[in-house]
Structures are given as structure tokens and as C-alpha cells.
């Protein structure tokens, strides 16, 4: 009986320590996540330091962890590390000159054939936008830098990306996200504006 009592108290103490630790870890994680959101900003200048395959996979995993309507996950990703393709896109896309410096890029695309339901097909823009934001936050969390360069809905830009990425007809590029190590420390913009908040009603 004594042996059972000792074990019971020991187990209770272990549980207390465990759940206290989990709570502390979660609080730290949540604080860190908020810091990353506030730190994220568009960075256009990169050093020649290389991005690892592990970093790129982590970024893509974050992209695939985004919310998705009906969980259809229409996102598709083109990972570009080829210098020639990066330079060609940088040359022809009007606002993506930073691709000349980037060590890599991700083209976030939507698959229009992901669902036979026409109404659900329209959700690809929202889903891929959520995925893109996850990607940008992951980039920031890894000490890297990047930005969203728009492709959709501009037909000329879509055509350029289709050409160099050899996209099939059912795949539509939403954006190109250049990725690299920043050349210097950067600070984000404070976009807080209480005048844009309405309570209960407009």
C-alpha cells in the first residue's frame, strides 16, 4: 500500500511538471509566432549565401499547413533553384528584379482541376493566398527574407511564368516568392491603424 501511495504521488508530481512545461513552451511559442508576424516585411536585397534543402522543405511544409476550403488543398508549388530560370523570370516579370539576387524562389500555383465542383474551384485564390502567407512567415522565422510578387490576375505575367515553368493548362500561378538571406538587418512597417476597425456594426 505504501509503495502504491509513493508511486501515486510521484506520478502526480510528474504530471504537474509535464503540463507546466507544456504550458510554458506553448506560451513561448505563441509569443514567438506573434513576433514573427510583426517582423515579416517585403525584402528585396539578398546576399549570395545559400539556402539549404532542409530550409526549403520547412518553408514548403508551412505552405501546406495553411487552411483550405473543404480541405481541397488546391495549391501546387514550383521550387526554382536554377540560376537561368531565376534570371529569365527576373528579366521579364516587371516587379521581380530581385530574382537576380535570390538563391531560390517558390511559385505558388492553383490547380483548377482539383475539384469538379465549379464553385469550389474558385476557392483556389483564397487557399493559395493563405498558403503564401504561411510561406512568408516561415521564411521570416528561418532568418531568411522574401516577398510576394504578384502574377495573377495579370495575363502577361501569367504567360511569362507559364513559359519558363512549363505549366499545364489547369495550373494558374498566383505569385512568385523570391527567397534569400537579407544583405542587412531590416525592420518591418507598423501598419496598426485603429481607424480601420469597426465594433459591432459599421
Protein backbone atom coordinates (compact mmCIF):
# COMPACT_ATOMS: atom_id res chain seq x y z
CA UNK A 1 0.00 0.00 0.00
CA UNK A 2 2.85 2.33 0.88
CA UNK A 3 4.53 1.51 -2.43
CA UNK A 4 1.31 2.39 -4.33
CA UNK A 5 0.99 5.72 -2.44
CA UNK A 6 4.55 6.74 -3.22
CA UNK A 7 4.10 5.93 -6.89
CA UNK A 8 0.78 7.81 -6.98
CA UNK A 9 2.37 10.97 -5.56
CA UNK A 10 5.35 10.58 -7.86
CA UNK A 11 3.06 10.25 -10.88
CA UNK A 12 1.06 13.31 -9.81
CA UNK A 13 4.26 15.36 -9.49
CA UNK A 14 5.49 14.19 -12.89
CA UNK A 15 2.16 15.16 -14.46
CA UNK A 16 2.31 18.58 -12.79
CA UNK A 17 5.85 19.20 -14.08
CA UNK A 18 4.94 17.96 -17.56
CA UNK A 19 1.81 20.08 -18.01
CA UNK A 20 3.52 23.12 -16.50
CA UNK A 21 6.35 22.68 -19.02
CA UNK A 22 3.92 22.29 -21.91
CA UNK A 23 2.10 25.45 -20.85
CA UNK A 24 5.39 27.36 -20.67
CA UNK A 25 6.51 26.04 -24.07
CA UNK A 26 3.16 26.97 -25.64
CA UNK A 27 3.34 30.47 -24.20
CA UNK A 28 6.85 30.92 -25.61
CA UNK A 29 5.80 29.51 -28.97
CA UNK A 30 2.76 31.77 -29.18
CA UNK A 31 4.84 34.82 -28.30
CA UNK A 32 7.41 33.87 -30.91
CA UNK A 33 4.72 33.38 -33.55
CA UNK A 34 3.31 36.85 -32.86
CA UNK A 35 6.80 38.35 -33.09
CA UNK A 36 7.34 36.70 -36.47
CA UNK A 37 4.03 38.06 -37.79
CA UNK A 38 5.01 41.58 -36.78
CA UNK A 39 8.56 41.18 -38.12
CA UNK A 40 7.52 39.98 -41.59
CA UNK A 41 8.08 42.53 -44.32
CA UNK A 42 8.98 42.66 -48.02
CA UNK A 43 12.75 42.43 -48.52
CA UNK A 44 14.28 42.91 -51.97
CA UNK A 45 18.04 42.61 -51.47
CA UNK A 46 19.79 39.30 -50.79
CA UNK A 47 23.33 38.11 -50.18
CA UNK A 48 24.97 35.20 -52.03
CA UNK A 49 24.56 32.88 -49.04
CA UNK A 50 22.87 29.61 -49.99
CA UNK A 51 19.53 28.29 -48.77
CA UNK A 52 19.61 24.66 -47.62
CA UNK A 53 17.28 21.95 -48.90
CA UNK A 54 16.08 21.48 -45.32
CA UNK A 55 15.11 25.14 -45.08
CA UNK A 56 13.23 24.96 -48.36
CA UNK A 57 11.34 21.86 -47.22
CA UNK A 58 10.39 23.56 -43.95
CA UNK A 59 9.04 26.53 -45.92
CA UNK A 60 7.00 24.25 -48.18
CA UNK A 61 5.66 22.30 -45.21
CA UNK A 62 4.49 25.59 -43.72
CA UNK A 63 2.77 26.43 -47.01
CA UNK A 64 0.94 23.12 -46.96
CA UNK A 65 -0.17 23.67 -43.35
CA UNK A 66 -2.44 26.55 -44.41
CA UNK A 67 -6.23 26.42 -44.06
CA UNK A 68 -8.12 25.27 -47.13
CA UNK A 69 -11.81 25.40 -48.10
CA UNK A 70 -13.28 21.89 -47.82
CA UNK A 71 -9.65 20.83 -47.26
CA UNK A 72 -9.20 20.58 -51.05
CA UNK A 73 -5.62 21.92 -50.87
CA UNK A 74 -5.50 23.19 -54.48
CA UNK A 75 -2.02 24.63 -54.04
CA UNK A 76 0.87 23.44 -56.16
CA UNK A 77 4.44 24.70 -55.82
CA UNK A 78 7.25 25.19 -58.31
CA UNK A 79 10.59 25.37 -56.49
CA UNK A 80 13.16 27.19 -58.61
CA UNK A 81 16.88 26.96 -57.84
CA UNK A 82 18.14 27.08 -61.44
CA UNK A 83 20.04 30.32 -61.99
CA UNK A 84 18.98 30.69 -65.61
CA UNK A 85 15.27 30.35 -64.86
CA UNK A 86 15.51 32.80 -61.94
CA UNK A 87 17.28 35.34 -64.16
CA UNK A 88 14.81 34.92 -67.01
CA UNK A 89 11.87 35.49 -64.69
CA UNK A 90 13.65 38.45 -63.14
CA UNK A 91 14.22 39.92 -66.57
CA UNK A 92 10.67 39.56 -67.87
CA UNK A 93 8.46 39.99 -64.79
CA UNK A 94 8.03 43.73 -64.18
CA UNK A 95 8.36 43.73 -60.38
CA UNK A 96 10.61 40.75 -59.72
CA UNK A 97 14.10 42.09 -60.43
CA UNK A 98 15.22 40.82 -57.03
CA UNK A 99 15.18 37.32 -58.55
CA UNK A 100 18.62 38.18 -59.95
CA UNK A 101 19.91 38.08 -56.35
CA UNK A 102 17.66 35.39 -54.88
CA UNK A 103 19.12 31.94 -54.25
CA UNK A 104 15.73 30.41 -54.90
CA UNK A 105 12.06 31.08 -55.41
CA UNK A 106 8.70 29.43 -54.95
CA UNK A 107 5.91 29.88 -57.47
CA UNK A 108 2.60 29.33 -55.68
CA UNK A 109 0.01 27.97 -58.10
CA UNK A 110 -3.59 26.81 -58.03
CA UNK A 111 -4.83 23.61 -59.64
CA UNK A 112 -8.14 24.32 -61.37
CA UNK A 113 -8.78 20.59 -61.78
CA UNK A 114 -8.50 20.00 -58.05
CA UNK A 115 -12.29 19.83 -57.75
CA UNK A 116 -15.06 19.04 -60.23
CA UNK A 117 -17.31 21.49 -58.39
CA UNK A 118 -17.05 24.84 -60.21
CA UNK A 119 -17.88 26.85 -57.08
CA UNK A 120 -15.19 25.10 -55.07
CA UNK A 121 -12.67 25.65 -57.87
CA UNK A 122 -12.99 29.39 -57.24
CA UNK A 123 -11.53 28.97 -53.75
CA UNK A 124 -8.03 28.35 -55.10
CA UNK A 125 -7.13 32.05 -54.80
CA UNK A 126 -8.05 32.23 -51.12
CA UNK A 127 -6.38 28.91 -50.32
CA UNK A 128 -3.18 29.74 -52.18
CA UNK A 129 -3.08 33.20 -50.60
CA UNK A 130 -3.26 31.63 -47.13
CA UNK A 131 -0.50 29.23 -48.16
CA UNK A 132 1.61 32.12 -49.45
CA UNK A 133 1.32 33.97 -46.15
CA UNK A 134 2.43 30.83 -44.29
CA UNK A 135 5.42 30.62 -46.63
CA UNK A 136 6.36 34.25 -45.97
CA UNK A 137 6.10 33.75 -42.21
CA UNK A 138 8.22 30.59 -42.39
CA UNK A 139 10.83 32.47 -44.40
CA UNK A 140 10.95 35.15 -41.70
CA UNK A 141 11.16 32.59 -38.89
CA UNK A 142 14.22 30.97 -40.51
CA UNK A 143 16.11 34.27 -40.69
CA UNK A 144 15.59 34.46 -44.44
CA UNK A 145 13.85 37.15 -46.46
CA UNK A 146 11.43 37.31 -49.35
CA UNK A 147 8.29 38.93 -50.67
CA UNK A 148 5.13 38.31 -52.64
CA UNK A 149 5.49 39.36 -56.28
CA UNK A 150 2.11 39.24 -57.98
CA UNK A 151 1.47 37.16 -61.10
CA UNK A 152 -2.29 36.52 -61.10
CA UNK A 153 -4.52 38.12 -62.40
CA UNK A 154 -2.17 39.75 -64.94
CA UNK A 155 -2.32 37.77 -68.18
CA UNK A 156 1.10 38.93 -69.40
CA UNK A 157 2.79 37.82 -66.16
CA UNK A 158 0.91 34.52 -66.15
CA UNK A 159 2.15 33.85 -69.68
CA UNK A 160 5.77 34.53 -68.65
CA UNK A 161 5.61 32.12 -65.70
CA UNK A 162 3.81 29.51 -67.80
CA UNK A 163 6.60 29.70 -70.37
CA UNK A 164 9.58 29.30 -68.04
CA UNK A 165 7.94 26.89 -65.58
CA UNK A 166 6.24 24.84 -68.33
CA UNK A 167 2.87 24.88 -66.57
CA UNK A 168 -0.03 22.76 -67.84
CA UNK A 169 -3.31 24.50 -68.69
CA UNK A 170 -5.02 23.64 -65.41
CA UNK A 171 -2.28 25.24 -63.28
CA UNK A 172 -2.50 29.00 -62.65
CA UNK A 173 0.40 30.88 -60.97
CA UNK A 174 -0.67 33.20 -58.18
CA UNK A 175 2.71 34.69 -57.33
CA UNK A 176 6.46 34.25 -57.33
CA UNK A 177 8.17 34.43 -53.93
CA UNK A 178 11.93 35.13 -54.16
CA UNK A 179 13.91 33.81 -51.18
CA UNK A 180 17.37 34.63 -49.88
CA UNK A 181 19.40 35.84 -46.93
CA UNK A 182 18.97 39.60 -46.45
CA UNK A 183 22.02 41.77 -47.08
CA UNK A 184 21.37 43.68 -43.85
CA UNK A 185 19.07 43.87 -40.86
CA UNK A 186 15.61 45.08 -41.76
CA UNK A 187 12.67 46.43 -39.82
CA UNK A 188 9.01 45.97 -40.60
CA UNK A 189 6.42 48.70 -41.07
CA UNK A 190 3.92 49.44 -38.32
CA UNK A 191 0.59 49.02 -40.09
CA UNK A 192 -1.61 49.32 -36.99
CA UNK A 193 -4.48 51.70 -37.75
CA UNK A 194 -7.39 51.80 -35.27
CA UNK A 195 -9.45 53.90 -37.72
CA UNK A 196 -9.92 50.76 -39.83
CA UNK A 197 -11.66 48.91 -37.00
CA UNK A 198 -15.45 48.97 -36.55
CA UNK A 199 -17.09 47.45 -33.48
CA UNK A 200 -20.35 45.55 -33.67
CA UNK A 201 -21.54 47.48 -36.75
CA UNK A 202 -20.12 49.83 -39.40
